Amino acid sequence: MTNTYPRSFSHIGLSVPDVQKAVAFYTEVLGWYAIMKPSEIREDDSPIGQMCTDVFGRGWGKLKIAHLATSDKVGV
């Protein structure tokens, strides 16, 4: 198997202590696009609630999430 670097990816998730401040930094300083502004998500049967349960496991309760994108279309 040949390793080819750098490898590409379509999106990445980051955990930050303050989503509002993080979105402000990434949009104002790095110029990323806000696709979905910070929103509170609760553990439920909605598609995004189920996705978060898949990632974090049961019992996460609620969290704030935002979706950003870089100029070359990498989602964060």
N, C-alpha and C. Protein backbone atom coordinates (compact mmCIF):
# COMPACT_ATOMS: atom_id res chain seq x y z
N MET A 1 0.84 -1.18 0.00
CA MET A 1 0.00 0.00 0.00
C MET A 1 0.89 1.24 0.00
N THR A 2 0.56 2.19 -0.85
CA THR A 2 1.30 3.44 -0.93
C THR A 2 0.59 4.51 -0.14
N ASN A 3 1.35 5.19 0.71
CA ASN A 3 0.78 6.31 1.46
C ASN A 3 0.89 7.57 0.63
N THR A 4 -0.22 8.23 0.39
CA THR A 4 -0.24 9.47 -0.36
C THR A 4 -0.59 10.60 0.60
N TYR A 5 0.26 11.60 0.67
CA TYR A 5 0.04 12.72 1.57
C TYR A 5 0.13 14.02 0.80
N PRO A 6 -0.55 15.07 1.14
CA PRO A 6 -1.55 15.10 2.21
C PRO A 6 -2.84 14.43 1.78
N ARG A 7 -3.55 13.89 2.71
CA ARG A 7 -4.84 13.26 2.44
C ARG A 7 -5.95 14.29 2.52
N SER A 8 -6.99 14.07 1.74
CA SER A 8 -8.12 15.00 1.75
C SER A 8 -9.22 14.49 2.67
N PHE A 9 -10.09 15.40 3.08
CA PHE A 9 -11.26 15.05 3.88
C PHE A 9 -12.34 16.06 3.60
N SER A 10 -13.59 15.71 3.93
CA SER A 10 -14.70 16.61 3.63
C SER A 10 -15.15 17.43 4.83
N HIS A 11 -14.96 16.91 6.05
CA HIS A 11 -15.36 17.68 7.23
C HIS A 11 -14.67 17.15 8.48
N ILE A 12 -14.68 17.97 9.50
CA ILE A 12 -14.07 17.62 10.78
C ILE A 12 -14.90 18.26 11.89
N GLY A 13 -14.95 17.63 13.04
CA GLY A 13 -15.66 18.19 14.19
C GLY A 13 -14.67 18.64 15.25
N LEU A 14 -14.93 19.78 15.83
CA LEU A 14 -14.10 20.32 16.90
C LEU A 14 -14.96 20.56 18.13
N SER A 15 -14.41 20.32 19.30
CA SER A 15 -15.11 20.63 20.54
C SER A 15 -14.44 21.86 21.13
N VAL A 16 -15.25 22.87 21.43
CA VAL A 16 -14.73 24.14 21.95
C VAL A 16 -15.48 24.52 23.22
N PRO A 17 -14.86 25.30 24.11
CA PRO A 17 -15.55 25.67 25.35
C PRO A 17 -16.66 26.70 25.15
N ASP A 18 -16.58 27.53 24.10
CA ASP A 18 -17.58 28.56 23.85
C ASP A 18 -17.85 28.63 22.35
N VAL A 19 -18.96 28.07 21.90
CA VAL A 19 -19.24 27.98 20.47
C VAL A 19 -19.44 29.37 19.85
N GLN A 20 -20.02 30.30 20.59
CA GLN A 20 -20.22 31.66 20.06
C GLN A 20 -18.87 32.33 19.76
N LYS A 21 -17.94 32.23 20.70
CA LYS A 21 -16.62 32.83 20.51
C LYS A 21 -15.85 32.12 19.39
N ALA A 22 -16.00 30.80 19.32
CA ALA A 22 -15.31 30.04 18.28
C ALA A 22 -15.82 30.43 16.89
N VAL A 23 -17.13 30.55 16.74
CA VAL A 23 -17.70 30.95 15.45
C VAL A 23 -17.24 32.35 15.08
N ALA A 24 -17.22 33.26 16.05
CA ALA A 24 -16.74 34.62 15.78
C ALA A 24 -15.29 34.59 15.31
N PHE A 25 -14.44 33.82 15.97
CA PHE A 25 -13.04 33.73 15.57
C PHE A 25 -12.89 33.16 14.16
N TYR A 26 -13.50 32.03 13.91
CA TYR A 26 -13.32 31.37 12.62
C TYR A 26 -13.91 32.17 11.46
N THR A 27 -15.00 32.90 11.70
CA THR A 27 -15.58 33.68 10.61
C THR A 27 -14.87 35.03 10.44
N GLU A 28 -14.55 35.70 11.54
CA GLU A 28 -13.94 37.03 11.45
C GLU A 28 -12.45 36.99 11.15
N VAL A 29 -11.72 36.05 11.76
CA VAL A 29 -10.27 36.00 11.60
C VAL A 29 -9.86 35.15 10.40
N LEU A 30 -10.46 33.97 10.26
CA LEU A 30 -10.08 33.07 9.18
C LEU A 30 -10.97 33.19 7.95
N GLY A 31 -12.09 33.90 8.07
CA GLY A 31 -12.96 34.14 6.92
C GLY A 31 -13.80 32.94 6.52
N TRP A 32 -14.02 31.99 7.44
CA TRP A 32 -14.86 30.84 7.12
C TRP A 32 -16.32 31.27 7.03
N TYR A 33 -17.13 30.47 6.35
CA TYR A 33 -18.55 30.75 6.17
C TYR A 33 -19.37 30.05 7.26
N ALA A 34 -20.35 30.76 7.81
CA ALA A 34 -21.28 30.14 8.76
C ALA A 34 -22.43 29.56 7.97
N ILE A 35 -22.54 28.24 7.96
CA ILE A 35 -23.63 27.54 7.27
C ILE A 35 -24.83 27.40 8.20
N MET A 36 -24.56 27.06 9.47
CA MET A 36 -25.60 26.97 10.50
C MET A 36 -25.07 27.68 11.74
N LYS A 37 -25.71 28.76 12.12
CA LYS A 37 -25.29 29.51 13.31
C LYS A 37 -25.46 28.63 14.55
N PRO A 38 -24.78 28.97 15.65
CA PRO A 38 -24.88 28.16 16.86
C PRO A 38 -26.34 27.90 17.26
N SER A 39 -26.65 26.65 17.48
CA SER A 39 -28.00 26.22 17.86
C SER A 39 -27.89 25.17 18.96
N GLU A 40 -28.89 25.17 19.84
CA GLU A 40 -28.92 24.15 20.89
C GLU A 40 -29.59 22.90 20.34
N ILE A 41 -28.96 21.77 20.55
CA ILE A 41 -29.48 20.47 20.13
C ILE A 41 -29.74 19.65 21.40
N ARG A 42 -30.87 19.01 21.43
CA ARG A 42 -31.21 18.15 22.58
C ARG A 42 -31.21 16.69 22.16
N GLU A 43 -30.93 15.85 23.13
CA GLU A 43 -30.94 14.41 22.89
C GLU A 43 -32.39 13.97 22.66
N ASP A 44 -32.70 13.64 21.42
CA ASP A 44 -34.05 13.21 21.06
C ASP A 44 -33.98 12.34 19.80
N ASP A 45 -35.13 12.09 19.20
CA ASP A 45 -35.18 11.22 18.02
C ASP A 45 -35.07 11.98 16.70
N SER A 46 -34.77 13.28 16.74
CA SER A 46 -34.60 14.03 15.50
C SER A 46 -33.33 13.53 14.79
N PRO A 47 -33.21 13.78 13.50
CA PRO A 47 -32.01 13.32 12.79
C PRO A 47 -30.71 13.83 13.40
N ILE A 48 -30.66 15.11 13.78
CA ILE A 48 -29.42 15.62 14.37
C ILE A 48 -29.22 15.11 15.79
N GLY A 49 -30.32 14.90 16.52
CA GLY A 49 -30.24 14.30 17.85
C GLY A 49 -29.70 12.88 17.77
N GLN A 50 -30.16 12.11 16.80
CA GLN A 50 -29.67 10.75 16.60
C GLN A 50 -28.20 10.73 16.18
N MET A 51 -27.81 11.69 15.31
CA MET A 51 -26.42 11.77 14.88
C MET A 51 -25.51 12.03 16.08
N CYS A 52 -25.91 12.95 16.96
CA CYS A 52 -25.10 13.25 18.14
C CYS A 52 -25.03 12.06 19.08
N THR A 53 -26.11 11.31 19.22
CA THR A 53 -26.07 10.10 20.03
C THR A 53 -25.12 9.08 19.42
N ASP A 54 -25.08 8.98 18.11
CA ASP A 54 -24.12 8.08 17.44
C ASP A 54 -22.69 8.48 17.76
N VAL A 55 -22.44 9.78 17.83
CA VAL A 55 -21.08 10.28 18.09
C VAL A 55 -20.73 10.21 19.57
N PHE A 56 -21.62 10.70 20.45
CA PHE A 56 -21.31 10.84 21.87
C PHE A 56 -21.83 9.73 22.77
N GLY A 57 -22.71 8.88 22.24
CA GLY A 57 -23.33 7.85 23.07
C GLY A 57 -24.53 8.41 23.81
N ARG A 58 -25.28 7.54 24.45
CA ARG A 58 -26.49 7.97 25.16
C ARG A 58 -26.14 8.77 26.41
N GLY A 59 -27.03 9.71 26.74
CA GLY A 59 -26.88 10.47 27.97
C GLY A 59 -26.17 11.81 27.82
N TRP A 60 -25.97 12.29 26.61
CA TRP A 60 -25.27 13.57 26.43
C TRP A 60 -26.17 14.76 26.74
N GLY A 61 -27.47 14.60 26.68
CA GLY A 61 -28.40 15.64 27.11
C GLY A 61 -28.66 16.75 26.12
N LYS A 62 -27.78 17.74 26.10
CA LYS A 62 -27.92 18.84 25.14
C LYS A 62 -26.54 19.44 24.88
N LEU A 63 -26.43 20.14 23.75
CA LEU A 63 -25.19 20.81 23.39
C LEU A 63 -25.49 21.91 22.40
N LYS A 64 -24.51 22.77 22.17
CA LYS A 64 -24.64 23.79 21.14
C LYS A 64 -23.74 23.38 19.98
N ILE A 65 -24.24 23.57 18.78
CA ILE A 65 -23.52 23.15 17.59
C ILE A 65 -23.64 24.23 16.52
N ALA A 66 -22.60 24.36 15.71
CA ALA A 66 -22.60 25.27 14.56
C ALA A 66 -21.93 24.54 13.41
N HIS A 67 -22.26 24.92 12.20
CA HIS A 67 -21.63 24.33 11.01
C HIS A 67 -20.98 25.46 10.22
N LEU A 68 -19.70 25.30 9.94
CA LEU A 68 -18.93 26.28 9.18
C LEU A 68 -18.33 25.59 7.96
N ALA A 69 -17.80 26.39 7.06
CA ALA A 69 -17.08 25.83 5.90
C ALA A 69 -15.93 26.76 5.53
N THR A 70 -14.83 26.15 5.11
CA THR A 70 -13.69 26.92 4.63
C THR A 70 -13.93 27.32 3.19
N SER A 71 -13.07 28.15 2.65
CA SER A 71 -13.24 28.59 1.27
C SER A 71 -13.10 27.45 0.27
N ASP A 72 -12.38 26.38 0.65
CA ASP A 72 -12.26 25.23 -0.25
C ASP A 72 -13.24 24.11 0.09
N LYS A 73 -14.32 24.50 0.79
CA LYS A 73 -15.48 23.65 1.04
C LYS A 73 -15.27 22.52 2.04
N VAL A 74 -14.30 22.65 2.94
CA VAL A 74 -14.15 21.69 4.02
C VAL A 74 -15.09 22.13 5.15
N GLY A 75 -15.94 21.22 5.60
CA GLY A 75 -16.89 21.52 6.66
C GLY A 75 -16.26 21.38 8.03
N VAL A 76 -16.61 22.30 8.93
CA VAL A 76 -16.11 22.27 10.32
C VAL A 76 -17.30 22.46 11.24
